[in-house]
């Protein structure tokens, strides 16, 4: 059907009802009270679809007459509809299956789970994309959440098809993953960079022919003490104290992602750099997270990295 030939008898007031009505989240100082507010935050717009309005004029309204002639009029009823912006793809890296739940290598998955719960976005498995994914909004920004099911070393085989299918610019693909070289429970948000030895990020960059202009949120897991092998360390669970510290860090990460999508890199990076989750640790953080249904189990054995 050619939409350009359809009569559109909408008034300007009627068209306003098609605009997004969700207000932006209100910013507040980071405290234990923010945790409960953040984790209970949900989106009123959990579903979305891409719409192409290219065939509609922004300055006139077409009216088809009985004789087949088309007349144009302009004025207060002129269409001012703009195409919906491209979505952001938020990808958390990790290893699938219950066996790896709660391991250090899966904090990327956990960050996506936090975002999904907070924004009311449901996740489901997709054979085509080889991922668990969901669609929704953060503020007025459309987002796609993804947890590749290809195992860490082949993350690019899931991220690539999704980027291609939804035609997402690479500078709107945020990859979230663990970082051995970053102090435990610290965050680092960057607009681009290399893989830093991380096999999941390496796979993503390789899939895009070495393009490094991909935003990333790195979550510090620290390095093992003594002579422990790094590949074994990343598959280990967190201690009770580490778990509580990391839970609050993930909430900080959620706020950083919101600021990134709504206000850009400068403000979000400043937020991450100024936040001090270890010094603001509240016992309510872990309890609030458990109330959302996040339960962790230590891995037993299996393939490394």
C-alpha atoms as a PDB file:
ATOM      1  CA  UNK A   1       0.000   0.000   0.000  1.00  0.00           C
ATOM      2  CA  UNK A   2       1.335   3.447  -0.928  1.00  0.00           C
ATOM      3  CA  UNK A   3       0.940   5.509   2.215  1.00  0.00           C
ATOM      4  CA  UNK A   4       1.621   8.734   0.318  1.00  0.00           C
ATOM      5  CA  UNK A   5      -1.729   8.333  -1.492  1.00  0.00           C
ATOM      6  CA  UNK A   6      -3.777   7.937   1.678  1.00  0.00           C
ATOM      7  CA  UNK A   7      -5.835  10.848   2.960  1.00  0.00           C
ATOM      8  CA  UNK A   8      -4.720  11.872   6.450  1.00  0.00           C
ATOM      9  CA  UNK A   9      -7.580  13.814   8.089  1.00  0.00           C
ATOM     10  CA  UNK A  10      -5.690  14.509  11.329  1.00  0.00           C
ATOM     11  CA  UNK A  11      -5.681  17.858  13.067  1.00  0.00           C
ATOM     12  CA  UNK A  12      -2.539  19.145  14.732  1.00  0.00           C
ATOM     13  CA  UNK A  13      -4.039  18.454  18.158  1.00  0.00           C
ATOM     14  CA  UNK A  14      -4.821  14.871  17.205  1.00  0.00           C
ATOM     15  CA  UNK A  15      -1.294  14.301  15.978  1.00  0.00           C
ATOM     16  CA  UNK A  16       0.072  15.382  19.322  1.00  0.00           C
ATOM     17  CA  UNK A  17      -1.429  12.267  20.866  1.00  0.00           C
ATOM     18  CA  UNK A  18       1.096  10.220  18.903  1.00  0.00           C
ATOM     19  CA  UNK A  19       4.063  11.847  20.626  1.00  0.00           C
ATOM     20  CA  UNK A  20       5.857  10.088  23.451  1.00  0.00           C
ATOM     21  CA  UNK A  21       4.553  11.209  26.837  1.00  0.00           C
ATOM     22  CA  UNK A  22       7.078   9.613  29.080  1.00  0.00           C
ATOM     23  CA  UNK A  23       9.030  12.110  31.175  1.00  0.00           C
ATOM     24  CA  UNK A  24      12.755  11.798  31.720  1.00  0.00           C
ATOM     25  CA  UNK A  25      13.924  10.277  34.947  1.00  0.00           C
ATOM     26  CA  UNK A  26      14.680  12.786  37.662  1.00  0.00           C
ATOM     27  CA  UNK A  27      18.312  12.983  38.699  1.00  0.00           C
ATOM     28  CA  UNK A  28      19.218  12.840  42.370  1.00  0.00           C
ATOM     29  CA  UNK A  29      22.324  12.404  44.446  1.00  0.00           C
ATOM     30  CA  UNK A  30      23.598   8.859  44.681  1.00  0.00           C
ATOM     31  CA  UNK A  31      22.550   7.318  47.984  1.00  0.00           C
ATOM     32  CA  UNK A  32      20.983   4.176  49.385  1.00  0.00           C
ATOM     33  CA  UNK A  33      17.538   5.675  48.756  1.00  0.00           C
ATOM     34  CA  UNK A  34      18.431   5.968  45.059  1.00  0.00           C
ATOM     35  CA  UNK A  35      18.944   2.234  44.917  1.00  0.00           C
ATOM     36  CA  UNK A  36      15.347   1.343  45.733  1.00  0.00           C
ATOM     37  CA  UNK A  37      14.030   4.091  43.454  1.00  0.00           C
ATOM     38  CA  UNK A  38      16.300   2.983  40.641  1.00  0.00           C
ATOM     39  CA  UNK A  39      15.491  -0.699  40.884  1.00  0.00           C
ATOM     40  CA  UNK A  40      11.752  -0.017  40.945  1.00  0.00           C
ATOM     41  CA  UNK A  41      11.877   2.296  37.934  1.00  0.00           C
ATOM     42  CA  UNK A  42       9.813   0.846  35.044  1.00  0.00           C
ATOM     43  CA  UNK A  43       8.956   1.970  31.574  1.00  0.00           C
ATOM     44  CA  UNK A  44       5.442   2.698  30.461  1.00  0.00           C
ATOM     45  CA  UNK A  45       6.524   2.039  26.908  1.00  0.00           C
ATOM     46  CA  UNK A  46       7.935  -1.483  26.808  1.00  0.00           C
ATOM     47  CA  UNK A  47       7.278  -2.095  23.117  1.00  0.00           C
ATOM     48  CA  UNK A  48       8.269  -0.081  20.084  1.00  0.00           C
ATOM     49  CA  UNK A  49       8.651  -0.391  16.328  1.00  0.00           C
ATOM     50  CA  UNK A  50      10.553   1.443  13.664  1.00  0.00           C
ATOM     51  CA  UNK A  51       8.364   3.604  11.375  1.00  0.00           C
ATOM     52  CA  UNK A  52       9.484   5.169   8.136  1.00  0.00           C
ATOM     53  CA  UNK A  53       7.838   8.519   7.450  1.00  0.00           C
ATOM     54  CA  UNK A  54      10.075   9.465   4.527  1.00  0.00           C
ATOM     55  CA  UNK A  55       7.164   9.417   2.085  1.00  0.00           C
ATOM     56  CA  UNK A  56       5.254  12.060   4.050  1.00  0.00           C
ATOM     57  CA  UNK A  57       5.780  15.756   3.381  1.00  0.00           C
ATOM     58  CA  UNK A  58       6.760  17.893   6.346  1.00  0.00           C
ATOM     59  CA  UNK A  59       5.179  21.005   4.877  1.00  0.00           C
ATOM     60  CA  UNK A  60       1.922  19.935   3.255  1.00  0.00           C
ATOM     61  CA  UNK A  61      -1.011  17.583   3.619  1.00  0.00           C
ATOM     62  CA  UNK A  62      -2.206  15.643   0.585  1.00  0.00           C
ATOM     63  CA  UNK A  63      -5.917  15.320  -0.133  1.00  0.00           C
ATOM     64  CA  UNK A  64      -7.103  13.021  -2.911  1.00  0.00           C
ATOM     65  CA  UNK A  65     -10.235  14.230  -4.746  1.00  0.00           C
ATOM     66  CA  UNK A  66     -12.972  12.081  -6.312  1.00  0.00           C
ATOM     67  CA  UNK A  67     -11.523  12.831  -9.779  1.00  0.00           C
ATOM     68  CA  UNK A  68      -8.162  11.429  -8.706  1.00  0.00           C
ATOM     69  CA  UNK A  69      -6.463  14.836  -8.505  1.00  0.00           C
ATOM     70  CA  UNK A  70      -4.303  15.557  -5.513  1.00  0.00           C
ATOM     71  CA  UNK A  71      -4.326  18.986  -3.870  1.00  0.00           C
ATOM     72  CA  UNK A  72      -1.904  20.238  -1.268  1.00  0.00           C
ATOM     73  CA  UNK A  73      -2.593  22.578   1.593  1.00  0.00           C
ATOM     74  CA  UNK A  74      -0.335  24.098   4.216  1.00  0.00           C
ATOM     75  CA  UNK A  75      -0.865  25.826   7.512  1.00  0.00           C
ATOM     76  CA  UNK A  76      -1.650  24.734  11.051  1.00  0.00           C
ATOM     77  CA  UNK A  77      -2.527  21.214   9.916  1.00  0.00           C
ATOM     78  CA  UNK A  78       0.785  20.643   8.128  1.00  0.00           C
ATOM     79  CA  UNK A  79       2.415  17.374   9.112  1.00  0.00           C
ATOM     80  CA  UNK A  80       5.421  17.725  11.381  1.00  0.00           C
ATOM     81  CA  UNK A  81       6.124  14.051  11.976  1.00  0.00           C
ATOM     82  CA  UNK A  82       9.755  12.964  12.167  1.00  0.00           C
ATOM     83  CA  UNK A  83      11.071   9.411  11.865  1.00  0.00           C
ATOM     84  CA  UNK A  84      11.781   7.690  15.152  1.00  0.00           C
ATOM     85  CA  UNK A  85      15.500   7.737  15.979  1.00  0.00           C
ATOM     86  CA  UNK A  86      17.643   4.653  15.552  1.00  0.00           C
ATOM     87  CA  UNK A  87      17.690   2.527  18.697  1.00  0.00           C
ATOM     88  CA  UNK A  88      20.702   1.966  20.915  1.00  0.00           C
ATOM     89  CA  UNK A  89      21.885  -1.620  21.226  1.00  0.00           C
ATOM     90  CA  UNK A  90      23.013  -2.430  24.769  1.00  0.00           C
ATOM     91  CA  UNK A  91      24.980  -5.693  24.735  1.00  0.00           C
ATOM     92  CA  UNK A  92      26.127  -7.472  27.877  1.00  0.00           C
ATOM     93  CA  UNK A  93      28.818 -10.091  27.292  1.00  0.00           C
ATOM     94  CA  UNK A  94      28.972 -13.405  29.139  1.00  0.00           C
ATOM     95  CA  UNK A  95      28.555 -17.153  28.887  1.00  0.00           C
ATOM     96  CA  UNK A  96      25.059 -18.692  28.689  1.00  0.00           C
ATOM     97  CA  UNK A  97      23.610 -21.553  30.752  1.00  0.00           C
ATOM     98  CA  UNK A  98      22.942 -21.791  34.469  1.00  0.00           C
ATOM     99  CA  UNK A  99      26.429 -23.144  35.050  1.00  0.00           C
ATOM    100  CA  UNK A 100      28.074 -19.707  34.586  1.00  0.00           C
ATOM    101  CA  UNK A 101      25.557 -17.633  36.604  1.00  0.00           C
ATOM    102  CA  UNK A 102      27.261 -15.432  39.166  1.00  0.00           C
ATOM    103  CA  UNK A 103      30.764 -15.765  37.744  1.00  0.00           C
ATOM    104  CA  UNK A 104      33.047 -12.763  37.282  1.00  0.00           C
ATOM    105  CA  UNK A 105      33.026 -13.234  33.511  1.00  0.00           C
ATOM    106  CA  UNK A 106      29.236 -12.735  33.426  1.00  0.00           C
ATOM    107  CA  UNK A 107      28.889  -9.265  34.940  1.00  0.00           C
ATOM    108  CA  UNK A 108      27.955  -7.975  31.465  1.00  0.00           C
ATOM    109  CA  UNK A 109      24.918 -10.269  31.527  1.00  0.00           C
ATOM    110  CA  UNK A 110      24.073  -9.052  35.030  1.00  0.00           C
ATOM    111  CA  UNK A 111      24.191  -5.408  33.937  1.00  0.00           C
ATOM    112  CA  UNK A 112      21.705  -6.094  31.135  1.00  0.00           C
ATOM    113  CA  UNK A 113      19.455  -7.932  33.627  1.00  0.00           C
ATOM    114  CA  UNK A 114      19.505  -4.880  35.893  1.00  0.00           C
ATOM    115  CA  UNK A 115      18.558  -2.578  32.992  1.00  0.00           C
ATOM    116  CA  UNK A 116      15.766  -4.911  31.864  1.00  0.00           C
ATOM    117  CA  UNK A 117      14.263  -5.118  35.358  1.00  0.00           C
ATOM    118  CA  UNK A 118      14.525  -1.388  36.015  1.00  0.00           C
ATOM    119  CA  UNK A 119      13.021  -0.368  32.659  1.00  0.00           C
ATOM    120  CA  UNK A 120      10.363  -3.075  32.485  1.00  0.00           C
ATOM    121  CA  UNK A 121      11.788  -4.692  29.337  1.00  0.00           C
ATOM    122  CA  UNK A 122      11.033  -8.390  28.860  1.00  0.00           C
ATOM    123  CA  UNK A 123      13.747 -10.615  27.408  1.00  0.00           C
ATOM    124  CA  UNK A 124      13.299 -13.699  25.219  1.00  0.00           C
ATOM    125  CA  UNK A 125      15.604 -15.965  23.244  1.00  0.00           C
ATOM    126  CA  UNK A 126      16.012 -15.447  19.503  1.00  0.00           C
ATOM    127  CA  UNK A 127      17.387 -18.178  17.256  1.00  0.00           C
ATOM    128  CA  UNK A 128      18.029 -15.685  14.446  1.00  0.00           C
ATOM    129  CA  UNK A 129      20.130 -13.358  16.586  1.00  0.00           C
ATOM    130  CA  UNK A 130      21.630 -16.113  18.769  1.00  0.00           C
ATOM    131  CA  UNK A 131      20.777 -14.020  21.808  1.00  0.00           C
ATOM    132  CA  UNK A 132      18.365 -13.302  24.581  1.00  0.00           C
ATOM    133  CA  UNK A 133      17.025  -9.875  23.683  1.00  0.00           C
ATOM    134  CA  UNK A 134      14.248  -7.382  24.356  1.00  0.00           C
ATOM    135  CA  UNK A 135      13.033  -4.009  23.061  1.00  0.00           C
ATOM    136  CA  UNK A 136      11.848  -0.977  24.989  1.00  0.00           C
ATOM    137  CA  UNK A 137      12.678   2.579  25.968  1.00  0.00           C
ATOM    138  CA  UNK A 138      14.938   4.462  28.325  1.00  0.00           C
ATOM    139  CA  UNK A 139      13.267   7.856  28.590  1.00  0.00           C
ATOM    140  CA  UNK A 140      12.322   8.628  24.996  1.00  0.00           C
ATOM    141  CA  UNK A 141      15.234   6.677  23.551  1.00  0.00           C
ATOM    142  CA  UNK A 142      14.422   3.296  21.943  1.00  0.00           C
ATOM    143  CA  UNK A 143      16.759   0.532  23.083  1.00  0.00           C
ATOM    144  CA  UNK A 144      17.467  -3.105  22.326  1.00  0.00           C
ATOM    145  CA  UNK A 145      18.939  -5.205  25.125  1.00  0.00           C
ATOM    146  CA  UNK A 146      20.989  -8.256  24.200  1.00  0.00           C
ATOM    147  CA  UNK A 147      22.828 -11.117  25.898  1.00  0.00           C
ATOM    148  CA  UNK A 148      24.599 -13.200  23.209  1.00  0.00           C
ATOM    149  CA  UNK A 149      24.137 -16.949  23.605  1.00  0.00           C
ATOM    150  CA  UNK A 150      27.167 -17.834  21.467  1.00  0.00           C
ATOM    151  CA  UNK A 151      29.573 -18.050  24.447  1.00  0.00           C
ATOM    152  CA  UNK A 152      32.030 -15.289  25.172  1.00  0.00           C
ATOM    153  CA  UNK A 153      34.662 -15.944  22.512  1.00  0.00           C
ATOM    154  CA  UNK A 154      32.080 -15.780  19.690  1.00  0.00           C
ATOM    155  CA  UNK A 155      30.066 -12.762  20.829  1.00  0.00           C
ATOM    156  CA  UNK A 156      30.510 -11.039  17.463  1.00  0.00           C
ATOM    157  CA  UNK A 157      28.466 -13.747  15.720  1.00  0.00           C
ATOM    158  CA  UNK A 158      25.429 -12.515  17.661  1.00  0.00           C
ATOM    159  CA  UNK A 159      26.131  -8.766  17.805  1.00  0.00           C
ATOM    160  CA  UNK A 160      26.892  -8.463  14.074  1.00  0.00           C
ATOM    161  CA  UNK A 161      23.579  -9.764  12.687  1.00  0.00           C
ATOM    162  CA  UNK A 162      21.600  -7.691  15.169  1.00  0.00           C
ATOM    163  CA  UNK A 163      23.423  -4.481  14.219  1.00  0.00           C
ATOM    164  CA  UNK A 164      22.901  -5.261  10.531  1.00  0.00           C
ATOM    165  CA  UNK A 165      19.212  -6.154  10.841  1.00  0.00           C
ATOM    166  CA  UNK A 166      18.215  -3.088  12.867  1.00  0.00           C
ATOM    167  CA  UNK A 167      20.663  -0.815  10.955  1.00  0.00           C
ATOM    168  CA  UNK A 168      22.193   0.504  14.171  1.00  0.00           C
ATOM    169  CA  UNK A 169      25.156   2.907  13.901  1.00  0.00           C
ATOM    170  CA  UNK A 170      28.246   1.497  15.628  1.00  0.00           C
ATOM    171  CA  UNK A 171      28.468   4.564  17.864  1.00  0.00           C
ATOM    172  CA  UNK A 172      25.106   3.491  19.309  1.00  0.00           C
ATOM    173  CA  UNK A 173      26.242  -0.036  20.212  1.00  0.00           C
ATOM    174  CA  UNK A 174      27.229  -0.096  23.891  1.00  0.00           C
ATOM    175  CA  UNK A 175      29.114  -3.268  24.844  1.00  0.00           C
ATOM    176  CA  UNK A 176      29.215  -4.073  28.574  1.00  0.00           C
ATOM    177  CA  UNK A 177      31.792  -6.526  29.916  1.00  0.00           C
ATOM    178  CA  UNK A 178      34.170  -7.487  32.738  1.00  0.00           C
ATOM    179  CA  UNK A 179      37.691  -6.070  32.952  1.00  0.00           C
ATOM    180  CA  UNK A 180      40.623  -7.740  34.710  1.00  0.00           C
ATOM    181  CA  UNK A 181      42.738  -4.595  34.458  1.00  0.00           C
ATOM    182  CA  UNK A 182      40.196  -2.367  36.208  1.00  0.00           C
ATOM    183  CA  UNK A 183      40.035  -2.264  40.014  1.00  0.00           C
ATOM    184  CA  UNK A 184      37.223  -4.346  41.456  1.00  0.00           C
ATOM    185  CA  UNK A 185      33.747  -2.758  41.396  1.00  0.00           C
ATOM    186  CA  UNK A 186      34.925   0.248  39.372  1.00  0.00           C
ATOM    187  CA  UNK A 187      33.376   1.404  36.101  1.00  0.00           C
ATOM    188  CA  UNK A 188      34.909   2.901  32.986  1.00  0.00           C
ATOM    189  CA  UNK A 189      32.796   4.287  30.144  1.00  0.00           C
ATOM    190  CA  UNK A 190      34.545   5.017  26.847  1.00  0.00           C
ATOM    191  CA  UNK A 191      33.283   5.948  23.347  1.00  0.00           C
ATOM    192  CA  UNK A 192      35.848   3.693  21.620  1.00  0.00           C
ATOM    193  CA  UNK A 193      39.005   1.653  22.126  1.00  0.00           C
ATOM    194  CA  UNK A 194      40.657  -1.726  21.633  1.00  0.00           C
ATOM    195  CA  UNK A 195      39.722  -5.093  23.096  1.00  0.00           C
ATOM    196  CA  UNK A 196      42.371  -4.966  25.848  1.00  0.00           C
ATOM    197  CA  UNK A 197      42.797  -8.736  25.678  1.00  0.00           C
ATOM    198  CA  UNK A 198      39.117  -9.440  26.328  1.00  0.00           C
ATOM    199  CA  UNK A 199      38.069 -12.256  23.999  1.00  0.00           C
ATOM    200  CA  UNK A 200      34.421 -11.209  23.822  1.00  0.00           C
ATOM    201  CA  UNK A 201      35.238  -7.645  22.830  1.00  0.00           C
ATOM    202  CA  UNK A 202      37.888  -8.975  20.448  1.00  0.00           C
ATOM    203  CA  UNK A 203      35.218 -11.039  18.673  1.00  0.00           C
ATOM    204  CA  UNK A 204      32.921  -8.007  18.345  1.00  0.00           C
ATOM    205  CA  UNK A 205      35.689  -5.811  16.913  1.00  0.00           C
ATOM    206  CA  UNK A 206      36.839  -8.558  14.541  1.00  0.00           C
ATOM    207  CA  UNK A 207      33.296  -8.978  13.235  1.00  0.00           C
ATOM    208  CA  UNK A 208      33.241  -5.309  12.247  1.00  0.00           C
ATOM    209  CA  UNK A 209      36.556  -5.642  10.398  1.00  0.00           C
ATOM    210  CA  UNK A 210      38.661  -4.099  13.127  1.00  0.00           C
ATOM    211  CA  UNK A 211      36.482  -1.029  13.681  1.00  0.00           C
ATOM    212  CA  UNK A 212      37.243   0.148  17.232  1.00  0.00           C
ATOM    213  CA  UNK A 213      34.718   3.011  17.334  1.00  0.00           C
ATOM    214  CA  UNK A 214      32.355   1.038  19.540  1.00  0.00           C
ATOM    215  CA  UNK A 215      31.281   2.436  22.946  1.00  0.00           C
ATOM    216  CA  UNK A 216      31.916   0.206  25.938  1.00  0.00           C
ATOM    217  CA  UNK A 217      31.160   0.089  29.659  1.00  0.00           C
ATOM    218  CA  UNK A 218      33.844  -1.880  31.458  1.00  0.00           C
ATOM    219  CA  UNK A 219      33.174  -3.316  34.917  1.00  0.00           C
ATOM    220  CA  UNK A 220      36.247  -3.989  37.040  1.00  0.00           C
ATOM    221  CA  UNK A 221      36.659  -7.469  38.519  1.00  0.00           C
ATOM    222  CA  UNK A 222      40.311  -7.078  39.560  1.00  0.00           C
ATOM    223  CA  UNK A 223      43.101  -9.585  39.069  1.00  0.00           C
ATOM    224  CA  UNK A 224      43.640 -12.838  40.964  1.00  0.00           C
ATOM    225  CA  UNK A 225      46.047 -12.920  43.868  1.00  0.00           C
ATOM    226  CA  UNK A 226      49.089 -15.169  43.848  1.00  0.00           C
ATOM    227  CA  UNK A 227      49.633 -17.574  40.973  1.00  0.00           C
ATOM    228  CA  UNK A 228      45.992 -18.218  40.025  1.00  0.00           C
ATOM    229  CA  UNK A 229      45.419 -18.439  36.292  1.00  0.00           C
ATOM    230  CA  UNK A 230      43.320 -15.542  34.920  1.00  0.00           C
ATOM    231  CA  UNK A 231      41.142 -17.881  32.821  1.00  0.00           C
ATOM    232  CA  UNK A 232      40.182 -19.783  35.983  1.00  0.00           C
ATOM    233  CA  UNK A 233      39.728 -16.598  38.007  1.00  0.00           C
ATOM    234  CA  UNK A 234      37.100 -15.102  35.693  1.00  0.00           C
ATOM    235  CA  UNK A 235      34.911 -18.189  36.111  1.00  0.00           C
ATOM    236  CA  UNK A 236      34.967 -18.012  39.911  1.00  0.00           C
ATOM    237  CA  UNK A 237      32.039 -16.626  41.949  1.00  0.00           C
ATOM    238  CA  UNK A 238      32.235 -13.502  44.078  1.00  0.00           C
ATOM    239  CA  UNK A 239      32.662 -13.548  47.838  1.00  0.00           C
ATOM    240  CA  UNK A 240      29.786 -12.244  49.971  1.00  0.00           C
ATOM    241  CA  UNK A 241      31.477  -8.874  50.492  1.00  0.00           C
ATOM    242  CA  UNK A 242      32.377  -8.589  46.800  1.00  0.00           C
ATOM    243  CA  UNK A 243      28.790  -9.438  45.875  1.00  0.00           C
ATOM    244  CA  UNK A 244      27.418  -6.566  47.939  1.00  0.00           C
ATOM    245  CA  UNK A 245      29.943  -4.126  46.519  1.00  0.00           C
ATOM    246  CA  UNK A 246      29.277  -5.240  42.953  1.00  0.00           C
ATOM    247  CA  UNK A 247      25.498  -4.983  43.375  1.00  0.00           C
ATOM    248  CA  UNK A 248      25.797  -1.293  44.148  1.00  0.00           C
ATOM    249  CA  UNK A 249      28.239  -0.821  41.277  1.00  0.00           C
ATOM    250  CA  UNK A 250      25.693  -2.301  38.873  1.00  0.00           C
ATOM    251  CA  UNK A 251      23.103   0.225  40.069  1.00  0.00           C
ATOM    252  CA  UNK A 252      25.663   2.958  39.408  1.00  0.00           C
ATOM    253  CA  UNK A 253      26.136   1.452  35.943  1.00  0.00           C
ATOM    254  CA  UNK A 254      22.384   1.627  35.336  1.00  0.00           C
ATOM    255  CA  UNK A 255      22.365   5.349  36.094  1.00  0.00           C
ATOM    256  CA  UNK A 256      25.413   5.848  33.853  1.00  0.00           C
ATOM    257  CA  UNK A 257      23.634   4.123  30.955  1.00  0.00           C
ATOM    258  CA  UNK A 258      20.552   6.294  31.423  1.00  0.00           C
ATOM    259  CA  UNK A 259      22.639   9.471  31.432  1.00  0.00           C
ATOM    260  CA  UNK A 260      24.568   8.296  28.369  1.00  0.00           C
ATOM    261  CA  UNK A 261      21.425   7.755  26.301  1.00  0.00           C
ATOM    262  CA  UNK A 262      19.669  10.905  27.460  1.00  0.00           C
ATOM    263  CA  UNK A 263      22.510  13.393  27.915  1.00  0.00           C
ATOM    264  CA  UNK A 264      25.578  12.053  26.110  1.00  0.00           C
ATOM    265  CA  UNK A 265      29.062  10.795  26.900  1.00  0.00           C
ATOM    266  CA  UNK A 266      30.444  13.810  28.737  1.00  0.00           C
ATOM    267  CA  UNK A 267      27.869  13.812  31.521  1.00  0.00           C
ATOM    268  CA  UNK A 268      27.724  10.030  31.815  1.00  0.00           C
ATOM    269  CA  UNK A 269      31.520   9.688  31.983  1.00  0.00           C
ATOM    270  CA  UNK A 270      31.653  12.412  34.625  1.00  0.00           C
ATOM    271  CA  UNK A 271      29.009  10.560  36.633  1.00  0.00           C
ATOM    272  CA  UNK A 272      30.975   7.304  36.476  1.00  0.00           C
ATOM    273  CA  UNK A 273      34.237   8.979  37.447  1.00  0.00           C
ATOM    274  CA  UNK A 274      32.709  10.826  40.397  1.00  0.00           C
ATOM    275  CA  UNK A 275      30.688   7.903  41.778  1.00  0.00           C
ATOM    276  CA  UNK A 276      32.365   5.999  44.619  1.00  0.00           C
ATOM    277  CA  UNK A 277      30.280   2.889  45.144  1.00  0.00           C
ATOM    278  CA  UNK A 278      32.657   1.246  47.628  1.00  0.00           C
ATOM    279  CA  UNK A 279      32.450   4.224  49.975  1.00  0.00           C
ATOM    280  CA  UNK A 280      28.682   4.514  49.629  1.00  0.00           C
ATOM    281  CA  UNK A 281      27.944   0.830  50.140  1.00  0.00           C
ATOM    282  CA  UNK A 282      24.590   0.179  51.777  1.00  0.00           C
ATOM    283  CA  UNK A 283      23.420  -3.165  53.105  1.00  0.00           C
ATOM    284  CA  UNK A 284      20.128  -2.469  51.356  1.00  0.00           C
ATOM    285  CA  UNK A 285      21.764  -2.749  47.937  1.00  0.00           C
ATOM    286  CA  UNK A 286      22.103  -6.514  47.928  1.00  0.00           C
ATOM    287  CA  UNK A 287      18.712  -6.981  49.600  1.00  0.00           C
ATOM    288  CA  UNK A 288      16.998  -4.755  47.038  1.00  0.00           C
ATOM    289  CA  UNK A 289      18.615  -6.683  44.217  1.00  0.00           C
ATOM    290  CA  UNK A 290      17.619 -10.045  45.639  1.00  0.00           C
ATOM    291  CA  UNK A 291      14.017  -8.842  45.846  1.00  0.00           C
ATOM    292  CA  UNK A 292      14.116  -8.483  42.053  1.00  0.00           C
ATOM    293  CA  UNK A 293      14.874 -12.186  41.757  1.00  0.00           C
ATOM    294  CA  UNK A 294      18.604 -12.043  41.065  1.00  0.00           C
ATOM    295  CA  UNK A 295      20.088 -15.152  42.639  1.00  0.00           C
ATOM    296  CA  UNK A 296      23.619 -16.294  41.919  1.00  0.00           C
ATOM    297  CA  UNK A 297      25.116 -19.776  41.986  1.00  0.00           C
ATOM    298  CA  UNK A 298      28.846 -20.541  41.808  1.00  0.00           C
ATOM    299  CA  UNK A 299      30.066 -22.351  38.695  1.00  0.00           C
ATOM    300  CA  UNK A 300      31.350 -25.883  39.158  1.00  0.00           C
ATOM    301  CA  UNK A 301      33.384 -26.732  36.101  1.00  0.00           C
ATOM    302  CA  UNK A 302      33.358 -26.188  32.369  1.00  0.00           C
ATOM    303  CA  UNK A 303      35.141 -24.531  29.429  1.00  0.00           C
ATOM    304  CA  UNK A 304      37.283 -21.530  30.265  1.00  0.00           C
ATOM    305  CA  UNK A 305      36.746 -18.049  28.858  1.00  0.00           C
END
